[in-house]
Amino acid sequence: MELGQPTSTSLAALGTNLNLQVTGEVELGGITHDSRAVKDGDLYLAIPGLTQHGIDFLQQAIDNGAVAVASDKQGCEIAGNLGLPSILLNNPRIDMAAIAAQFYGHPEQKLKIIGVTGTNGKTTTTQMLRTLLTDAGHRVGVIGTLGAFVDGLEIPSKRTTPESTDLFKLLAQMVSAGADTVCMEISSHALELNRVSGIKFDVAIFTNWTQDHLDFHETMEHYFAAKQKLFTDSRCEVAVIGCDDEWGRKLISTTDAKQVVSVGVNGNWQISDVATELSGGTRFNLTTPAQNFAVNIPMYGEFNAKNAALCLAVCSIFGLDPIKVKNSLADLPQVPGRMQLVAKHNDFLTFVDYAHTPDAVEKVLTEILIAKPTKLITVIGCGGDRDPSKRAIMGQISAQLSDVVVITDDNPRSESPAHIRSEVFQGTLGQPAQVFEIGDRREAITFAISLASAGDVVAVLGKGHEVGQEVNGVVADFDDVAVIREVLADA
């Protein structure tokens, strides 16, 4: 039997327990919303999507072994015409999450669950928490952009925050593996689409808030409203909120969580005296309502100091003494693609970062400039099929703060790579940087490194930890870190 997988349950028991209308009866071996992933004996949850309805793929699900369907009225009528047992979903996405929780034995009730949301910093924060809580004796699962893990065990996962059928299965697998705590990245899409419906988080963390995903949310207000859904009394026990931007302060004023902890320069967990070294780490002072102490982390940047402070606040909520656990931060492993120092070569430094929003680009480059490099060389591009309004802004910020900007391809997806590059380039006009455009990302990185000399910094932004590049539906192997190391080895 697969890790965390129930033996079976009947369709009637599953639907009746949730007060959902059931037609027919059959034993179920599994559940999934993905017709391609259906196995013999599965319940296929056919729900409406953004562009297509899951019922359109019913035949594929049947061919793969589906024995029952859960869907809305339209889907259940189609299933009934084919003689398939069904569950009628009143609110498809919320009911799908409830079915998943029920089917997997409510694993969310057997775990302490920490949700981390915000535009930037989610991955770093969950990885910091993983280290701190593991060192304190917890067995910790992580779900996020880098994948899903329990200790050294990796569990396959596709999205930052998986769909509810996959998410509750992951949580059940983590319970089976002995986890007592899970740290999850919560995307705005996940909140808007009810992927985490049915979970009440022990702690919800808000890192920061800047422009992103407007292709989906359309406005910053709608984007923020999606994130606000996590910070209600019904969705979290404690809210830990970064308060150094206007959105964080707005969230503090609107949340009805029973306990609210603010973290930042002006928070009730107050950060001060931040000092950073490019090839070293960051030191800062943290003043809490109970104590004051210094913290050292082997990661660069004031934004990472804030991430660390958020994590220490969570540890305190979990009953741990921040002064005792902070020493674990000194041994943090480097988070892939997050201000990752790849190499020091001929006395210049090369970093890779996942920065793919205007704010993230500005923060990374501003932090680098604090160290006063002789020359800052930035390699940057923008993803296709994503918010196009941020492209010129990212180009402008890069050209304002860098000495040299090399515009290249990120993940063009279905868009014209040249068109995306031209939109980035428009933002660089009138700015002081010397600007080059090289579409091939390997060539762009090679060129940027060829310009570097002692005292310089090369920052390769946008893809971070990713190990593929998507062009017209084809994902080719591409890893910024590996490419940089290859280029430097050949230099």
Foldseek 3Di string as FASTA:
>chain_A
DDQLFDQWDKPCVLQVVVVWDKDDMDIARAEDQDLQPAAARYEHEFEQDPVGTRLVCVVSNVVRHHQEYEYAPVSVVVCVVVVGIYTHDPPRQLVVLSSLCVNSVNLLVQAQEEEEEEDDDLLVLQLLLCLLVVVVPFFEWEAADVAIDTVPDGDGDDHRQGASNVNSSSSSSNVSVPGRYYYGYAALVCQVSVRVRPHAHAEYEYQYYDDWQCLPQVDSVSSLVSVLSCQECVRYQEYEFEDPDPSRVVSVVPGPHPYYFYFECPTLFHWDDWDFDLQAWIKIWTDHPVDIDIATARAFAPSVVRSNSSSLVVCVVVVDDSVVSRVSRNVRDDDFQCQDFLDQAQQETEGGHQDAALVSLLRVLVRVCVNPFVFEEEEDFHEAPTPLVRQLSNLQSCLQRGQEYEYEYAAPAEHDRVVRSVSNVNSNPPGNHHYHYDHPRLVSLLVSVVPDHRRYYYYYYNHGQDQWHHDHNDTDGHGPSVSNVVSSVVD
